């Protein structure tokens, strides 16, 4: 009896960790997923512990203005005597937070509207689909600019709210189509015959079968949030006092960094935005390939010649 009691917890622990290990193997076996995960890990480290990488106040004016790269200032200094490398490292946090929070909230809103429309049908489907179609045909970026302009200097919260309001509709349309394909499956009919409530069927039966699509929607919404937020901050429609890569581009453009001989002031945040966007995009492509074998690239196996 002692042997059985000792092995049972270990077996249960392994069964709980099996999906995690399967996910890790799937990521490591895909080159795009591995590259995206590494790029995202670099951004996460900078966002998590910026003080260890670049200690000091990113807005402190402690150096000679407009200096090139040196031992003390790896990327040079701004026109105000601020260290560009410190601003770059500290700017990763706000940019990553905007991407993750806006992507997550957009995915949640897409799931609520798309799943409800597809599962309940009828009048609810008609009204929710109408709202989705309206937001789909609206020109997103001009609408974002108008809303952000009226809420100027509202901080990251306003930018996130604008991104969520304009970025949920495409995902909701995809999720609705997926629910429609699942609604008449045998396991859902059996759940309804057992008398399970609608919300329980959605949570325990439908959503687990849509995890790959939900992850893909989150990654796609995060890419949209990264690029759109950077564009808004570059135009000065966010808070210009926020430490982010988009705000760095705003101040670099306002002070004519390229003409003033301080190109790294503009190049560094541009590279940061590109790397963060590429990380989410690569992970998105990789999850599509992992979830759909048809999309996986065919790799030719080397055939050893017989000697």
C-alpha atoms as a PDB file:
ATOM      1  CA  UNK A   1       0.000   0.000   0.000  1.00  0.00           C
ATOM      2  CA  UNK A   2       2.874   2.357   0.740  1.00  0.00           C
ATOM      3  CA  UNK A   3       4.226   1.968  -2.781  1.00  0.00           C
ATOM      4  CA  UNK A   4       0.865   2.822  -4.323  1.00  0.00           C
ATOM      5  CA  UNK A   5       0.456   5.942  -2.168  1.00  0.00           C
ATOM      6  CA  UNK A   6       3.964   7.124  -3.021  1.00  0.00           C
ATOM      7  CA  UNK A   7       3.535   6.670  -6.769  1.00  0.00           C
ATOM      8  CA  UNK A   8       0.089   8.203  -7.043  1.00  0.00           C
ATOM      9  CA  UNK A   9       1.163  11.837  -6.370  1.00  0.00           C
ATOM     10  CA  UNK A  10       4.039  11.514  -8.811  1.00  0.00           C
ATOM     11  CA  UNK A  11       1.778  10.101 -11.487  1.00  0.00           C
ATOM     12  CA  UNK A  12      -0.761  12.883 -10.952  1.00  0.00           C
ATOM     13  CA  UNK A  13       2.008  15.484 -11.076  1.00  0.00           C
ATOM     14  CA  UNK A  14       3.333  14.089 -14.344  1.00  0.00           C
ATOM     15  CA  UNK A  15      -0.155  14.049 -15.831  1.00  0.00           C
ATOM     16  CA  UNK A  16      -0.623  17.712 -14.912  1.00  0.00           C
ATOM     17  CA  UNK A  17       2.734  18.701 -16.382  1.00  0.00           C
ATOM     18  CA  UNK A  18       2.308  16.663 -19.565  1.00  0.00           C
ATOM     19  CA  UNK A  19       0.498  19.443 -21.496  1.00  0.00           C
ATOM     20  CA  UNK A  20       3.233  21.894 -20.446  1.00  0.00           C
ATOM     21  CA  UNK A  21       6.009  19.608 -21.686  1.00  0.00           C
ATOM     22  CA  UNK A  22       4.087  18.929 -24.898  1.00  0.00           C
ATOM     23  CA  UNK A  23       3.766  22.695 -25.458  1.00  0.00           C
ATOM     24  CA  UNK A  24       7.493  23.226 -24.814  1.00  0.00           C
ATOM     25  CA  UNK A  25       8.422  20.424 -27.236  1.00  0.00           C
ATOM     26  CA  UNK A  26       6.128  21.898 -29.893  1.00  0.00           C
ATOM     27  CA  UNK A  27       7.737  25.341 -29.500  1.00  0.00           C
ATOM     28  CA  UNK A  28      11.295  23.997 -29.536  1.00  0.00           C
ATOM     29  CA  UNK A  29      10.612  21.824 -32.577  1.00  0.00           C
ATOM     30  CA  UNK A  30       9.470  24.854 -34.608  1.00  0.00           C
ATOM     31  CA  UNK A  31      12.163  27.303 -35.696  1.00  0.00           C
ATOM     32  CA  UNK A  32       9.793  30.266 -35.914  1.00  0.00           C
ATOM     33  CA  UNK A  33       8.409  29.586 -32.449  1.00  0.00           C
ATOM     34  CA  UNK A  34      11.908  29.234 -30.997  1.00  0.00           C
ATOM     35  CA  UNK A  35      13.089  32.477 -32.584  1.00  0.00           C
ATOM     36  CA  UNK A  36       9.954  34.326 -31.475  1.00  0.00           C
ATOM     37  CA  UNK A  37      10.226  32.979 -27.929  1.00  0.00           C
ATOM     38  CA  UNK A  38      13.869  34.073 -27.664  1.00  0.00           C
ATOM     39  CA  UNK A  39      13.114  37.583 -28.926  1.00  0.00           C
ATOM     40  CA  UNK A  40      10.155  37.873 -26.568  1.00  0.00           C
ATOM     41  CA  UNK A  41      12.273  36.613 -23.662  1.00  0.00           C
ATOM     42  CA  UNK A  42      14.808  39.406 -24.264  1.00  0.00           C
ATOM     43  CA  UNK A  43      12.033  42.014 -24.203  1.00  0.00           C
ATOM     44  CA  UNK A  44      10.511  40.485 -21.064  1.00  0.00           C
ATOM     45  CA  UNK A  45      13.851  40.589 -19.236  1.00  0.00           C
ATOM     46  CA  UNK A  46      14.326  44.260 -20.117  1.00  0.00           C
ATOM     47  CA  UNK A  47      10.776  45.058 -19.031  1.00  0.00           C
ATOM     48  CA  UNK A  48      11.023  43.057 -15.792  1.00  0.00           C
ATOM     49  CA  UNK A  49      14.368  44.302 -14.458  1.00  0.00           C
ATOM     50  CA  UNK A  50      15.328  47.512 -16.292  1.00  0.00           C
ATOM     51  CA  UNK A  51      17.087  48.831 -13.199  1.00  0.00           C
ATOM     52  CA  UNK A  52      19.589  45.963 -13.260  1.00  0.00           C
ATOM     53  CA  UNK A  53      20.426  46.468 -16.933  1.00  0.00           C
ATOM     54  CA  UNK A  54      20.429  50.277 -17.005  1.00  0.00           C
ATOM     55  CA  UNK A  55      20.341  51.708 -13.474  1.00  0.00           C
ATOM     56  CA  UNK A  56      19.339  55.310 -13.117  1.00  0.00           C
ATOM     57  CA  UNK A  57      16.565  57.666 -14.128  1.00  0.00           C
ATOM     58  CA  UNK A  58      15.923  57.520 -17.908  1.00  0.00           C
ATOM     59  CA  UNK A  59      14.841  61.172 -17.877  1.00  0.00           C
ATOM     60  CA  UNK A  60      17.758  62.511 -15.846  1.00  0.00           C
ATOM     61  CA  UNK A  61      19.730  65.176 -17.725  1.00  0.00           C
ATOM     62  CA  UNK A  62      23.212  64.258 -16.483  1.00  0.00           C
ATOM     63  CA  UNK A  63      25.386  64.291 -19.591  1.00  0.00           C
ATOM     64  CA  UNK A  64      26.514  66.537 -22.405  1.00  0.00           C
ATOM     65  CA  UNK A  65      23.743  66.833 -25.018  1.00  0.00           C
ATOM     66  CA  UNK A  66      24.076  65.182 -28.414  1.00  0.00           C
ATOM     67  CA  UNK A  67      27.069  62.940 -27.638  1.00  0.00           C
ATOM     68  CA  UNK A  68      27.845  59.805 -29.627  1.00  0.00           C
ATOM     69  CA  UNK A  69      28.252  56.282 -28.210  1.00  0.00           C
ATOM     70  CA  UNK A  70      30.867  55.942 -25.472  1.00  0.00           C
ATOM     71  CA  UNK A  71      31.774  53.781 -22.483  1.00  0.00           C
ATOM     72  CA  UNK A  72      29.436  55.748 -20.214  1.00  0.00           C
ATOM     73  CA  UNK A  73      26.671  56.144 -22.796  1.00  0.00           C
ATOM     74  CA  UNK A  74      26.466  53.031 -24.971  1.00  0.00           C
ATOM     75  CA  UNK A  75      24.045  54.624 -27.443  1.00  0.00           C
ATOM     76  CA  UNK A  76      24.965  58.258 -26.883  1.00  0.00           C
ATOM     77  CA  UNK A  77      22.866  61.027 -25.357  1.00  0.00           C
ATOM     78  CA  UNK A  78      19.791  62.960 -26.393  1.00  0.00           C
ATOM     79  CA  UNK A  79      19.533  66.669 -27.108  1.00  0.00           C
ATOM     80  CA  UNK A  80      18.626  67.118 -23.429  1.00  0.00           C
ATOM     81  CA  UNK A  81      21.616  65.193 -22.068  1.00  0.00           C
ATOM     82  CA  UNK A  82      19.709  61.982 -21.283  1.00  0.00           C
ATOM     83  CA  UNK A  83      21.215  58.524 -21.772  1.00  0.00           C
ATOM     84  CA  UNK A  84      19.628  56.860 -24.827  1.00  0.00           C
ATOM     85  CA  UNK A  85      20.459  53.307 -23.693  1.00  0.00           C
ATOM     86  CA  UNK A  86      18.734  53.858 -20.347  1.00  0.00           C
ATOM     87  CA  UNK A  87      15.661  55.252 -22.088  1.00  0.00           C
ATOM     88  CA  UNK A  88      15.660  52.291 -24.483  1.00  0.00           C
ATOM     89  CA  UNK A  89      15.787  49.688 -21.713  1.00  0.00           C
ATOM     90  CA  UNK A  90      13.166  51.390 -19.553  1.00  0.00           C
ATOM     91  CA  UNK A  91      10.913  51.942 -22.578  1.00  0.00           C
ATOM     92  CA  UNK A  92      10.514  48.190 -23.051  1.00  0.00           C
ATOM     93  CA  UNK A  93       8.196  47.913 -20.030  1.00  0.00           C
ATOM     94  CA  UNK A  94       5.490  50.304 -21.218  1.00  0.00           C
ATOM     95  CA  UNK A  95       5.604  48.970 -24.786  1.00  0.00           C
ATOM     96  CA  UNK A  96       5.304  45.350 -23.621  1.00  0.00           C
ATOM     97  CA  UNK A  97       2.543  46.148 -21.111  1.00  0.00           C
ATOM     98  CA  UNK A  98       0.486  47.918 -23.777  1.00  0.00           C
ATOM     99  CA  UNK A  99       0.919  44.984 -26.173  1.00  0.00           C
ATOM    100  CA  UNK A 100       0.029  42.270 -23.651  1.00  0.00           C
ATOM    101  CA  UNK A 101      -2.843  44.059 -21.897  1.00  0.00           C
ATOM    102  CA  UNK A 102      -4.440  45.332 -25.106  1.00  0.00           C
ATOM    103  CA  UNK A 103      -3.997  41.935 -26.784  1.00  0.00           C
ATOM    104  CA  UNK A 104      -5.465  40.088 -23.803  1.00  0.00           C
ATOM    105  CA  UNK A 105      -8.460  42.401 -23.403  1.00  0.00           C
ATOM    106  CA  UNK A 106      -9.157  42.331 -27.148  1.00  0.00           C
ATOM    107  CA  UNK A 107      -9.083  38.515 -27.089  1.00  0.00           C
ATOM    108  CA  UNK A 108     -11.436  38.365 -24.090  1.00  0.00           C
ATOM    109  CA  UNK A 109     -13.889  40.752 -25.753  1.00  0.00           C
ATOM    110  CA  UNK A 110     -13.649  38.820 -29.028  1.00  0.00           C
ATOM    111  CA  UNK A 111     -14.327  35.552 -27.196  1.00  0.00           C
ATOM    112  CA  UNK A 112     -17.314  36.948 -25.300  1.00  0.00           C
ATOM    113  CA  UNK A 113     -18.984  38.371 -28.398  1.00  0.00           C
ATOM    114  CA  UNK A 114     -17.944  35.720 -30.927  1.00  0.00           C
ATOM    115  CA  UNK A 115     -18.754  32.683 -28.766  1.00  0.00           C
ATOM    116  CA  UNK A 116     -22.055  34.141 -27.557  1.00  0.00           C
ATOM    117  CA  UNK A 117     -23.131  34.948 -31.129  1.00  0.00           C
ATOM    118  CA  UNK A 118     -22.179  31.535 -32.471  1.00  0.00           C
ATOM    119  CA  UNK A 119     -23.559  29.425 -29.632  1.00  0.00           C
ATOM    120  CA  UNK A 120     -26.858  31.120 -28.765  1.00  0.00           C
ATOM    121  CA  UNK A 121     -27.820  32.123 -32.315  1.00  0.00           C
ATOM    122  CA  UNK A 122     -31.134  33.803 -33.077  1.00  0.00           C
ATOM    123  CA  UNK A 123     -31.606  37.443 -32.150  1.00  0.00           C
ATOM    124  CA  UNK A 124     -28.405  37.487 -30.070  1.00  0.00           C
ATOM    125  CA  UNK A 125     -26.402  36.303 -33.074  1.00  0.00           C
ATOM    126  CA  UNK A 126     -28.001  38.899 -35.321  1.00  0.00           C
ATOM    127  CA  UNK A 127     -27.325  41.834 -32.994  1.00  0.00           C
ATOM    128  CA  UNK A 128     -23.796  40.796 -32.074  1.00  0.00           C
ATOM    129  CA  UNK A 129     -22.905  40.020 -35.696  1.00  0.00           C
ATOM    130  CA  UNK A 130     -24.250  43.436 -36.728  1.00  0.00           C
ATOM    131  CA  UNK A 131     -22.047  45.151 -34.145  1.00  0.00           C
ATOM    132  CA  UNK A 132     -19.062  43.095 -35.306  1.00  0.00           C
ATOM    133  CA  UNK A 133     -19.667  43.969 -38.961  1.00  0.00           C
ATOM    134  CA  UNK A 134     -19.936  47.675 -38.117  1.00  0.00           C
ATOM    135  CA  UNK A 135     -16.538  47.675 -36.390  1.00  0.00           C
ATOM    136  CA  UNK A 136     -15.043  45.591 -39.200  1.00  0.00           C
ATOM    137  CA  UNK A 137     -15.915  48.125 -41.900  1.00  0.00           C
ATOM    138  CA  UNK A 138     -14.829  51.155 -39.866  1.00  0.00           C
ATOM    139  CA  UNK A 139     -11.378  52.473 -40.864  1.00  0.00           C
ATOM    140  CA  UNK A 140      -9.420  51.496 -37.765  1.00  0.00           C
ATOM    141  CA  UNK A 141      -6.416  53.814 -37.750  1.00  0.00           C
ATOM    142  CA  UNK A 142      -8.263  57.073 -38.536  1.00  0.00           C
ATOM    143  CA  UNK A 143     -10.785  56.177 -35.813  1.00  0.00           C
ATOM    144  CA  UNK A 144      -7.948  55.485 -33.394  1.00  0.00           C
ATOM    145  CA  UNK A 145      -6.350  58.844 -34.188  1.00  0.00           C
ATOM    146  CA  UNK A 146      -9.627  60.724 -33.673  1.00  0.00           C
ATOM    147  CA  UNK A 147     -10.406  59.049 -30.346  1.00  0.00           C
ATOM    148  CA  UNK A 148      -6.851  59.436 -29.079  1.00  0.00           C
ATOM    149  CA  UNK A 149      -6.775  63.103 -30.138  1.00  0.00           C
ATOM    150  CA  UNK A 150      -9.853  63.842 -28.026  1.00  0.00           C
ATOM    151  CA  UNK A 151      -8.256  62.008 -25.089  1.00  0.00           C
ATOM    152  CA  UNK A 152      -4.792  63.500 -25.504  1.00  0.00           C
ATOM    153  CA  UNK A 153      -2.364  63.044 -22.608  1.00  0.00           C
ATOM    154  CA  UNK A 154      -4.628  60.368 -21.147  1.00  0.00           C
ATOM    155  CA  UNK A 155      -1.758  57.966 -20.605  1.00  0.00           C
ATOM    156  CA  UNK A 156      -1.427  54.300 -21.452  1.00  0.00           C
ATOM    157  CA  UNK A 157      -4.926  53.487 -20.169  1.00  0.00           C
ATOM    158  CA  UNK A 158      -6.535  55.581 -22.913  1.00  0.00           C
ATOM    159  CA  UNK A 159      -4.314  54.045 -25.604  1.00  0.00           C
ATOM    160  CA  UNK A 160      -5.162  50.524 -24.396  1.00  0.00           C
ATOM    161  CA  UNK A 161      -8.884  51.342 -24.344  1.00  0.00           C
ATOM    162  CA  UNK A 162      -8.705  52.706 -27.897  1.00  0.00           C
ATOM    163  CA  UNK A 163      -6.784  49.647 -29.122  1.00  0.00           C
ATOM    164  CA  UNK A 164      -9.273  47.244 -27.531  1.00  0.00           C
ATOM    165  CA  UNK A 165     -12.273  49.131 -28.914  1.00  0.00           C
ATOM    166  CA  UNK A 166     -10.908  48.963 -32.459  1.00  0.00           C
ATOM    167  CA  UNK A 167      -9.140  45.585 -32.385  1.00  0.00           C
ATOM    168  CA  UNK A 168     -11.691  42.989 -31.213  1.00  0.00           C
ATOM    169  CA  UNK A 169     -13.990  42.634 -34.238  1.00  0.00           C
ATOM    170  CA  UNK A 170     -11.800  40.479 -36.511  1.00  0.00           C
ATOM    171  CA  UNK A 171     -11.182  37.938 -33.760  1.00  0.00           C
ATOM    172  CA  UNK A 172     -14.880  37.848 -32.864  1.00  0.00           C
ATOM    173  CA  UNK A 173     -15.755  36.992 -36.460  1.00  0.00           C
ATOM    174  CA  UNK A 174     -13.247  34.113 -36.483  1.00  0.00           C
ATOM    175  CA  UNK A 175     -14.414  32.734 -33.144  1.00  0.00           C
ATOM    176  CA  UNK A 176     -18.066  32.893 -34.173  1.00  0.00           C
ATOM    177  CA  UNK A 177     -17.321  30.837 -37.281  1.00  0.00           C
ATOM    178  CA  UNK A 178     -15.463  28.270 -35.192  1.00  0.00           C
ATOM    179  CA  UNK A 179     -18.338  27.983 -32.696  1.00  0.00           C
ATOM    180  CA  UNK A 180     -20.810  27.499 -35.536  1.00  0.00           C
ATOM    181  CA  UNK A 181     -18.738  24.545 -36.740  1.00  0.00           C
ATOM    182  CA  UNK A 182     -18.730  23.042 -33.226  1.00  0.00           C
ATOM    183  CA  UNK A 183     -22.304  23.771 -32.156  1.00  0.00           C
ATOM    184  CA  UNK A 184     -23.834  20.610 -33.649  1.00  0.00           C
ATOM    185  CA  UNK A 185     -21.022  18.212 -32.758  1.00  0.00           C
ATOM    186  CA  UNK A 186     -21.956  15.048 -30.878  1.00  0.00           C
ATOM    187  CA  UNK A 187     -20.217  15.992 -27.625  1.00  0.00           C
ATOM    188  CA  UNK A 188     -22.136  19.287 -27.422  1.00  0.00           C
ATOM    189  CA  UNK A 189     -25.446  17.596 -28.186  1.00  0.00           C
ATOM    190  CA  UNK A 190     -24.683  15.060 -25.457  1.00  0.00           C
ATOM    191  CA  UNK A 191     -23.886  17.856 -23.003  1.00  0.00           C
ATOM    192  CA  UNK A 192     -27.199  19.571 -23.749  1.00  0.00           C
ATOM    193  CA  UNK A 193     -29.081  16.292 -23.347  1.00  0.00           C
ATOM    194  CA  UNK A 194     -27.440  15.835 -19.940  1.00  0.00           C
ATOM    195  CA  UNK A 195     -29.034  19.116 -18.940  1.00  0.00           C
ATOM    196  CA  UNK A 196     -25.847  21.139 -18.585  1.00  0.00           C
ATOM    197  CA  UNK A 197     -26.269  24.885 -18.540  1.00  0.00           C
ATOM    198  CA  UNK A 198     -25.191  27.024 -21.475  1.00  0.00           C
ATOM    199  CA  UNK A 199     -22.366  28.809 -19.663  1.00  0.00           C
ATOM    200  CA  UNK A 200     -20.968  25.475 -18.448  1.00  0.00           C
ATOM    201  CA  UNK A 201     -21.023  24.030 -21.963  1.00  0.00           C
ATOM    202  CA  UNK A 202     -19.201  27.100 -23.271  1.00  0.00           C
ATOM    203  CA  UNK A 203     -16.539  27.026 -20.534  1.00  0.00           C
ATOM    204  CA  UNK A 204     -15.918  23.286 -20.283  1.00  0.00           C
ATOM    205  CA  UNK A 205     -16.679  22.052 -23.804  1.00  0.00           C
ATOM    206  CA  UNK A 206     -16.293  24.840 -26.380  1.00  0.00           C
ATOM    207  CA  UNK A 207     -13.437  27.039 -25.136  1.00  0.00           C
ATOM    208  CA  UNK A 208     -10.952  24.147 -24.560  1.00  0.00           C
ATOM    209  CA  UNK A 209     -11.406  23.187 -28.222  1.00  0.00           C
ATOM    210  CA  UNK A 210     -10.630  26.743 -29.307  1.00  0.00           C
ATOM    211  CA  UNK A 211      -7.370  27.305 -27.409  1.00  0.00           C
ATOM    212  CA  UNK A 212      -5.154  27.440 -30.567  1.00  0.00           C
ATOM    213  CA  UNK A 213      -7.465  30.000 -32.158  1.00  0.00           C
ATOM    214  CA  UNK A 214      -7.612  32.060 -28.956  1.00  0.00           C
ATOM    215  CA  UNK A 215      -3.806  32.081 -28.735  1.00  0.00           C
ATOM    216  CA  UNK A 216      -3.549  33.104 -32.382  1.00  0.00           C
ATOM    217  CA  UNK A 217      -6.035  35.936 -31.800  1.00  0.00           C
ATOM    218  CA  UNK A 218      -4.079  37.135 -28.780  1.00  0.00           C
ATOM    219  CA  UNK A 219      -0.792  37.177 -30.695  1.00  0.00           C
ATOM    220  CA  UNK A 220      -2.345  38.942 -33.675  1.00  0.00           C
ATOM    221  CA  UNK A 221      -4.013  41.535 -31.443  1.00  0.00           C
ATOM    222  CA  UNK A 222      -0.694  42.100 -29.650  1.00  0.00           C
ATOM    223  CA  UNK A 223       1.089  42.827 -32.941  1.00  0.00           C
ATOM    224  CA  UNK A 224      -1.666  45.289 -33.853  1.00  0.00           C
ATOM    225  CA  UNK A 225      -1.359  46.933 -30.430  1.00  0.00           C
ATOM    226  CA  UNK A 226       2.425  47.277 -30.660  1.00  0.00           C
ATOM    227  CA  UNK A 227       2.429  48.987 -34.038  1.00  0.00           C
ATOM    228  CA  UNK A 228      -0.660  51.134 -33.484  1.00  0.00           C
ATOM    229  CA  UNK A 229       0.403  52.302 -30.020  1.00  0.00           C
ATOM    230  CA  UNK A 230       3.845  53.228 -31.348  1.00  0.00           C
ATOM    231  CA  UNK A 231       2.218  55.183 -34.176  1.00  0.00           C
ATOM    232  CA  UNK A 232      -0.046  57.065 -31.778  1.00  0.00           C
ATOM    233  CA  UNK A 233       2.817  57.907 -29.425  1.00  0.00           C
ATOM    234  CA  UNK A 234       4.986  58.975 -32.362  1.00  0.00           C
ATOM    235  CA  UNK A 235       2.252  61.422 -33.368  1.00  0.00           C
ATOM    236  CA  UNK A 236       2.124  62.751 -29.805  1.00  0.00           C
ATOM    237  CA  UNK A 237      -1.397  61.465 -29.144  1.00  0.00           C
ATOM    238  CA  UNK A 238      -0.420  59.589 -26.001  1.00  0.00           C
ATOM    239  CA  UNK A 239       1.234  60.955 -22.887  1.00  0.00           C
ATOM    240  CA  UNK A 240       4.553  62.427 -24.027  1.00  0.00           C
ATOM    241  CA  UNK A 241       6.005  61.870 -20.557  1.00  0.00           C
ATOM    242  CA  UNK A 242       5.648  58.076 -20.687  1.00  0.00           C
ATOM    243  CA  UNK A 243       8.843  56.033 -20.898  1.00  0.00           C
ATOM    244  CA  UNK A 244       8.149  53.969 -24.018  1.00  0.00           C
ATOM    245  CA  UNK A 245       9.691  53.365 -27.401  1.00  0.00           C
ATOM    246  CA  UNK A 246       6.935  55.279 -29.181  1.00  0.00           C
ATOM    247  CA  UNK A 247       7.544  58.311 -26.973  1.00  0.00           C
ATOM    248  CA  UNK A 248      11.271  58.090 -27.702  1.00  0.00           C
ATOM    249  CA  UNK A 249      10.446  58.314 -31.408  1.00  0.00           C
ATOM    250  CA  UNK A 250       8.236  61.339 -30.713  1.00  0.00           C
ATOM    251  CA  UNK A 251      11.004  63.270 -28.940  1.00  0.00           C
ATOM    252  CA  UNK A 252      13.606  62.181 -31.495  1.00  0.00           C
ATOM    253  CA  UNK A 253      11.435  63.464 -34.335  1.00  0.00           C
ATOM    254  CA  UNK A 254      10.630  66.715 -32.522  1.00  0.00           C
ATOM    255  CA  UNK A 255      14.324  67.402 -31.957  1.00  0.00           C
ATOM    256  CA  UNK A 256      15.350  66.350 -35.489  1.00  0.00           C
ATOM    257  CA  UNK A 257      17.636  63.603 -34.198  1.00  0.00           C
ATOM    258  CA  UNK A 258      18.768  62.474 -37.646  1.00  0.00           C
ATOM    259  CA  UNK A 259      19.728  65.990 -38.743  1.00  0.00           C
ATOM    260  CA  UNK A 260      21.370  66.712 -35.380  1.00  0.00           C
ATOM    261  CA  UNK A 261      23.711  63.724 -35.704  1.00  0.00           C
ATOM    262  CA  UNK A 262      21.948  61.590 -33.061  1.00  0.00           C
ATOM    263  CA  UNK A 263      20.511  58.802 -35.256  1.00  0.00           C
ATOM    264  CA  UNK A 264      20.531  56.192 -32.476  1.00  0.00           C
ATOM    265  CA  UNK A 265      17.893  58.209 -30.622  1.00  0.00           C
ATOM    266  CA  UNK A 266      15.446  57.205 -33.379  1.00  0.00           C
ATOM    267  CA  UNK A 267      17.008  53.924 -34.531  1.00  0.00           C
ATOM    268  CA  UNK A 268      17.107  52.221 -31.102  1.00  0.00           C
ATOM    269  CA  UNK A 269      13.348  52.451 -30.328  1.00  0.00           C
ATOM    270  CA  UNK A 270      12.545  51.581 -33.932  1.00  0.00           C
ATOM    271  CA  UNK A 271      14.557  48.377 -33.601  1.00  0.00           C
ATOM    272  CA  UNK A 272      12.878  47.642 -30.267  1.00  0.00           C
ATOM    273  CA  UNK A 273       9.393  47.966 -31.777  1.00  0.00           C
ATOM    274  CA  UNK A 274      10.407  45.817 -34.742  1.00  0.00           C
ATOM    275  CA  UNK A 275      11.879  43.095 -32.498  1.00  0.00           C
ATOM    276  CA  UNK A 276       8.836  42.990 -30.208  1.00  0.00           C
ATOM    277  CA  UNK A 277       6.442  42.918 -33.155  1.00  0.00           C
ATOM    278  CA  UNK A 278       8.505  40.218 -34.865  1.00  0.00           C
ATOM    279  CA  UNK A 279       8.465  38.104 -31.687  1.00  0.00           C
ATOM    280  CA  UNK A 280       4.666  38.056 -31.538  1.00  0.00           C
ATOM    281  CA  UNK A 281       4.358  37.615 -35.317  1.00  0.00           C
ATOM    282  CA  UNK A 282       6.761  34.643 -35.377  1.00  0.00           C
ATOM    283  CA  UNK A 283       4.920  33.008 -32.487  1.00  0.00           C
ATOM    284  CA  UNK A 284       1.640  33.579 -34.329  1.00  0.00           C
ATOM    285  CA  UNK A 285       2.939  31.927 -37.508  1.00  0.00           C
ATOM    286  CA  UNK A 286       4.402  29.094 -35.472  1.00  0.00           C
ATOM    287  CA  UNK A 287       1.148  28.375 -33.632  1.00  0.00           C
ATOM    288  CA  UNK A 288      -0.648  28.270 -36.971  1.00  0.00           C
ATOM    289  CA  UNK A 289       1.835  25.647 -38.165  1.00  0.00           C
ATOM    290  CA  UNK A 290       1.659  23.679 -34.913  1.00  0.00           C
ATOM    291  CA  UNK A 291      -2.131  23.617 -34.907  1.00  0.00           C
ATOM    292  CA  UNK A 292      -2.533  22.999 -38.646  1.00  0.00           C
ATOM    293  CA  UNK A 293      -0.236  20.301 -40.107  1.00  0.00           C
ATOM    294  CA  UNK A 294      -1.057  21.472 -43.652  1.00  0.00           C
ATOM    295  CA  UNK A 295       0.852  24.712 -43.009  1.00  0.00           C
ATOM    296  CA  UNK A 296       3.991  23.004 -41.758  1.00  0.00           C
ATOM    297  CA  UNK A 297       6.959  23.273 -44.136  1.00  0.00           C
ATOM    298  CA  UNK A 298       8.067  20.063 -45.753  1.00  0.00           C
ATOM    299  CA  UNK A 299      11.652  19.318 -44.796  1.00  0.00           C
ATOM    300  CA  UNK A 300      13.535  16.957 -47.053  1.00  0.00           C
ATOM    301  CA  UNK A 301      15.210  14.134 -45.233  1.00  0.00           C
ATOM    302  CA  UNK A 302      18.780  13.394 -46.178  1.00  0.00           C
ATOM    303  CA  UNK A 303      19.191   9.924 -47.521  1.00  0.00           C
ATOM    304  CA  UNK A 304      22.507   8.359 -46.743  1.00  0.00           C
ATOM    305  CA  UNK A 305      24.118   6.735 -49.731  1.00  0.00           C
ATOM    306  CA  UNK A 306      25.069   3.064 -49.484  1.00  0.00           C
ATOM    307  CA  UNK A 307      28.792   2.645 -49.624  1.00  0.00           C
END
